[in-house]
Amino acid sequence: MTYVVTENCIACKYTDCVEVCPVDCFYEGENMLVIHPDECIDCGVCEPECPADAIRPDTEPDMEKWVEFNRKYSEMWPVIVTRKDPLPGAEDMDGKQDKMALLSEAPGAGG
């Protein structure tokens, strides 16, 4: 099992999860985070830290696409280990449906 970041992170990018991760497997895009599925040790400490409920176990239905999504972007984006402020308007975007059109493939700053 692994944990993955799903669509609800897009345009929110809360980073509470990165500081509790014992293996630094979070990677930062311009407007979301992902988890490298091969680096995640399945400890689950990140899941309850996400205010947007965007971190899910890969054992839930239809998660394979999110495993591959997280793998793809974790190989393109820099690692993030330090909490940062969420994106402006994160509270308004939290829970919105169909946010894939808002995804930026650009890397974040990392750090």
C-alpha atoms as a PDB file:
ATOM      1  CA  MET A   1       0.000   0.000   0.000  1.00  0.00           C
ATOM      2  CA  THR A   2       0.991   3.602  -0.545  1.00  0.00           C
ATOM      3  CA  TYR A   3      -0.644   6.972  -0.074  1.00  0.00           C
ATOM      4  CA  VAL A   4      -1.288   9.380  -2.932  1.00  0.00           C
ATOM      5  CA  VAL A   5      -2.382  12.965  -3.337  1.00  0.00           C
ATOM      6  CA  THR A   6      -5.612  13.434  -5.286  1.00  0.00           C
ATOM      7  CA  GLU A   7      -7.337  16.208  -7.205  1.00  0.00           C
ATOM      8  CA  ASN A   8      -8.554  18.122  -4.177  1.00  0.00           C
ATOM      9  CA  CYS A   9      -5.000  19.362  -3.548  1.00  0.00           C
ATOM     10  CA  ILE A  10      -5.012  21.319  -6.811  1.00  0.00           C
ATOM     11  CA  ALA A  11      -5.237  25.075  -6.184  1.00  0.00           C
ATOM     12  CA  CYS A  12      -5.105  24.508  -2.404  1.00  0.00           C
ATOM     13  CA  LYS A  13      -1.632  23.057  -1.734  1.00  0.00           C
ATOM     14  CA  TYR A  14      -1.773  22.809   2.011  1.00  0.00           C
ATOM     15  CA  THR A  15       1.637  21.610   3.171  1.00  0.00           C
ATOM     16  CA  ASP A  16       0.886  20.468   6.719  1.00  0.00           C
ATOM     17  CA  CYS A  17       1.602  16.920   5.539  1.00  0.00           C
ATOM     18  CA  VAL A  18       5.223  17.452   4.515  1.00  0.00           C
ATOM     19  CA  GLU A  19       6.513  18.181   8.001  1.00  0.00           C
ATOM     20  CA  VAL A  20       5.196  14.929   9.472  1.00  0.00           C
ATOM     21  CA  CYS A  21       6.522  12.688   6.676  1.00  0.00           C
ATOM     22  CA  PRO A  22       9.436  10.641   8.038  1.00  0.00           C
ATOM     23  CA  VAL A  23      10.868   9.841   4.594  1.00  0.00           C
ATOM     24  CA  ASP A  24      10.452  13.147   2.700  1.00  0.00           C
ATOM     25  CA  CYS A  25       8.455  11.657  -0.176  1.00  0.00           C
ATOM     26  CA  PHE A  26       6.406  14.776  -1.014  1.00  0.00           C
ATOM     27  CA  TYR A  27       7.129  16.735  -4.178  1.00  0.00           C
ATOM     28  CA  GLU A  28       5.944  20.238  -4.971  1.00  0.00           C
ATOM     29  CA  GLY A  29       4.306  21.499  -8.116  1.00  0.00           C
ATOM     30  CA  GLU A  30       3.271  25.082  -8.672  1.00  0.00           C
ATOM     31  CA  ASN A  31      -0.254  24.462  -7.370  1.00  0.00           C
ATOM     32  CA  MET A  32      -0.312  21.003  -5.747  1.00  0.00           C
ATOM     33  CA  LEU A  33       1.770  18.334  -4.035  1.00  0.00           C
ATOM     34  CA  VAL A  34       2.303  14.667  -4.876  1.00  0.00           C
ATOM     35  CA  ILE A  35       3.758  11.662  -3.053  1.00  0.00           C
ATOM     36  CA  HIS A  36       6.322   9.424  -4.713  1.00  0.00           C
ATOM     37  CA  PRO A  37       4.602   6.038  -4.420  1.00  0.00           C
ATOM     38  CA  ASP A  38       7.896   4.118  -4.378  1.00  0.00           C
ATOM     39  CA  GLU A  39       9.281   6.231  -1.526  1.00  0.00           C
ATOM     40  CA  CYS A  40       6.172   6.255   0.679  1.00  0.00           C
ATOM     41  CA  ILE A  41       6.503   3.807   3.584  1.00  0.00           C
ATOM     42  CA  ASP A  42       2.749   3.599   4.153  1.00  0.00           C
ATOM     43  CA  CYS A  43       2.914   5.011   7.672  1.00  0.00           C
ATOM     44  CA  GLY A  44      -0.222   7.103   7.145  1.00  0.00           C
ATOM     45  CA  VAL A  45       0.816  10.041   9.341  1.00  0.00           C
ATOM     46  CA  CYS A  46       0.248  12.501   6.471  1.00  0.00           C
ATOM     47  CA  GLU A  47      -3.380  11.591   5.774  1.00  0.00           C
ATOM     48  CA  PRO A  48      -4.967  13.182   8.875  1.00  0.00           C
ATOM     49  CA  GLU A  49      -2.784  16.294   8.491  1.00  0.00           C
ATOM     50  CA  CYS A  50      -4.343  17.277   5.151  1.00  0.00           C
ATOM     51  CA  PRO A  51      -7.086  19.885   5.693  1.00  0.00           C
ATOM     52  CA  ALA A  52      -8.389  19.255   2.163  1.00  0.00           C
ATOM     53  CA  ASP A  53      -8.678  15.465   2.609  1.00  0.00           C
ATOM     54  CA  ALA A  54      -6.612  15.084  -0.570  1.00  0.00           C
ATOM     55  CA  ILE A  55      -4.356  12.267   0.671  1.00  0.00           C
ATOM     56  CA  ARG A  56      -5.844   8.817   0.191  1.00  0.00           C
ATOM     57  CA  PRO A  57      -4.587   5.220   0.434  1.00  0.00           C
ATOM     58  CA  ASP A  58      -4.142   3.445  -2.876  1.00  0.00           C
ATOM     59  CA  THR A  59      -6.409   0.654  -1.607  1.00  0.00           C
ATOM     60  CA  GLU A  60      -9.499   2.778  -2.246  1.00  0.00           C
ATOM     61  CA  PRO A  61     -11.386   2.209  -5.522  1.00  0.00           C
ATOM     62  CA  ASP A  62     -10.002   3.808  -8.715  1.00  0.00           C
ATOM     63  CA  MET A  63      -6.728   4.912  -7.130  1.00  0.00           C
ATOM     64  CA  GLU A  64      -4.405   3.377  -9.754  1.00  0.00           C
ATOM     65  CA  LYS A  65      -4.676   6.520 -11.910  1.00  0.00           C
ATOM     66  CA  TRP A  66      -3.598   8.593  -8.894  1.00  0.00           C
ATOM     67  CA  VAL A  67      -0.652   6.306  -8.180  1.00  0.00           C
ATOM     68  CA  GLU A  68       0.590   6.862 -11.741  1.00  0.00           C
ATOM     69  CA  PHE A  69      -0.191  10.596 -11.556  1.00  0.00           C
ATOM     70  CA  ASN A  70       1.806  10.921  -8.320  1.00  0.00           C
ATOM     71  CA  ARG A  71       4.684   8.883  -9.770  1.00  0.00           C
ATOM     72  CA  LYS A  72       4.840  11.018 -12.924  1.00  0.00           C
ATOM     73  CA  TYR A  73       4.939  14.371 -11.164  1.00  0.00           C
ATOM     74  CA  SER A  74       7.184  13.279  -8.293  1.00  0.00           C
ATOM     75  CA  GLU A  75       9.813  12.544 -10.920  1.00  0.00           C
ATOM     76  CA  MET A  76       9.428  16.056 -12.383  1.00  0.00           C
ATOM     77  CA  TRP A  77       9.025  18.246  -9.295  1.00  0.00           C
ATOM     78  CA  PRO A  78      11.399  19.075  -6.404  1.00  0.00           C
ATOM     79  CA  VAL A  79      11.101  17.506  -2.964  1.00  0.00           C
ATOM     80  CA  ILE A  80       9.420  19.602  -0.268  1.00  0.00           C
ATOM     81  CA  VAL A  81      10.079  19.065   3.442  1.00  0.00           C
ATOM     82  CA  THR A  82       9.123  22.407   4.983  1.00  0.00           C
ATOM     83  CA  ARG A  83       5.592  23.679   5.586  1.00  0.00           C
ATOM     84  CA  LYS A  84       4.557  26.739   3.584  1.00  0.00           C
ATOM     85  CA  ASP A  85       1.424  28.854   3.514  1.00  0.00           C
ATOM     86  CA  PRO A  86      -1.399  27.433   1.367  1.00  0.00           C
ATOM     87  CA  LEU A  87      -2.187  29.063  -1.935  1.00  0.00           C
ATOM     88  CA  PRO A  88      -4.294  32.227  -1.885  1.00  0.00           C
ATOM     89  CA  GLY A  89      -7.949  31.233  -2.088  1.00  0.00           C
ATOM     90  CA  ALA A  90      -7.259  27.690  -0.851  1.00  0.00           C
ATOM     91  CA  GLU A  91     -10.272  27.720   1.451  1.00  0.00           C
ATOM     92  CA  ASP A  92     -12.547  28.632  -1.459  1.00  0.00           C
ATOM     93  CA  MET A  93     -11.067  25.916  -3.695  1.00  0.00           C
ATOM     94  CA  ASP A  94     -11.181  23.179  -1.065  1.00  0.00           C
ATOM     95  CA  GLY A  95     -13.788  20.615  -2.065  1.00  0.00           C
ATOM     96  CA  LYS A  96     -14.456  22.021  -5.534  1.00  0.00           C
ATOM     97  CA  GLN A  97     -15.060  19.376  -8.179  1.00  0.00           C
ATOM     98  CA  ASP A  98     -13.285  18.948 -11.514  1.00  0.00           C
ATOM     99  CA  LYS A  99     -10.081  20.818 -10.700  1.00  0.00           C
ATOM    100  CA  MET A 100      -7.858  18.940 -13.177  1.00  0.00           C
ATOM    101  CA  ALA A 101      -8.180  21.787 -15.686  1.00  0.00           C
ATOM    102  CA  LEU A 102      -6.483  24.017 -13.102  1.00  0.00           C
ATOM    103  CA  LEU A 103      -3.421  21.772 -12.722  1.00  0.00           C
ATOM    104  CA  SER A 104      -0.115  23.443 -13.473  1.00  0.00           C
ATOM    105  CA  GLU A 105       2.627  21.048 -14.540  1.00  0.00           C
ATOM    106  CA  ALA A 106       5.245  23.638 -13.565  1.00  0.00           C
ATOM    107  CA  PRO A 107       7.444  22.702 -10.625  1.00  0.00           C
ATOM    108  CA  GLY A 108       7.174  24.470  -7.302  1.00  0.00           C
ATOM    109  CA  ALA A 109      10.137  25.898  -5.423  1.00  0.00           C
ATOM    110  CA  GLY A 110      10.634  22.840  -3.223  1.00  0.00           C
ATOM    111  CA  GLY A 111      12.489  23.202   0.023  1.00  0.00           C
END
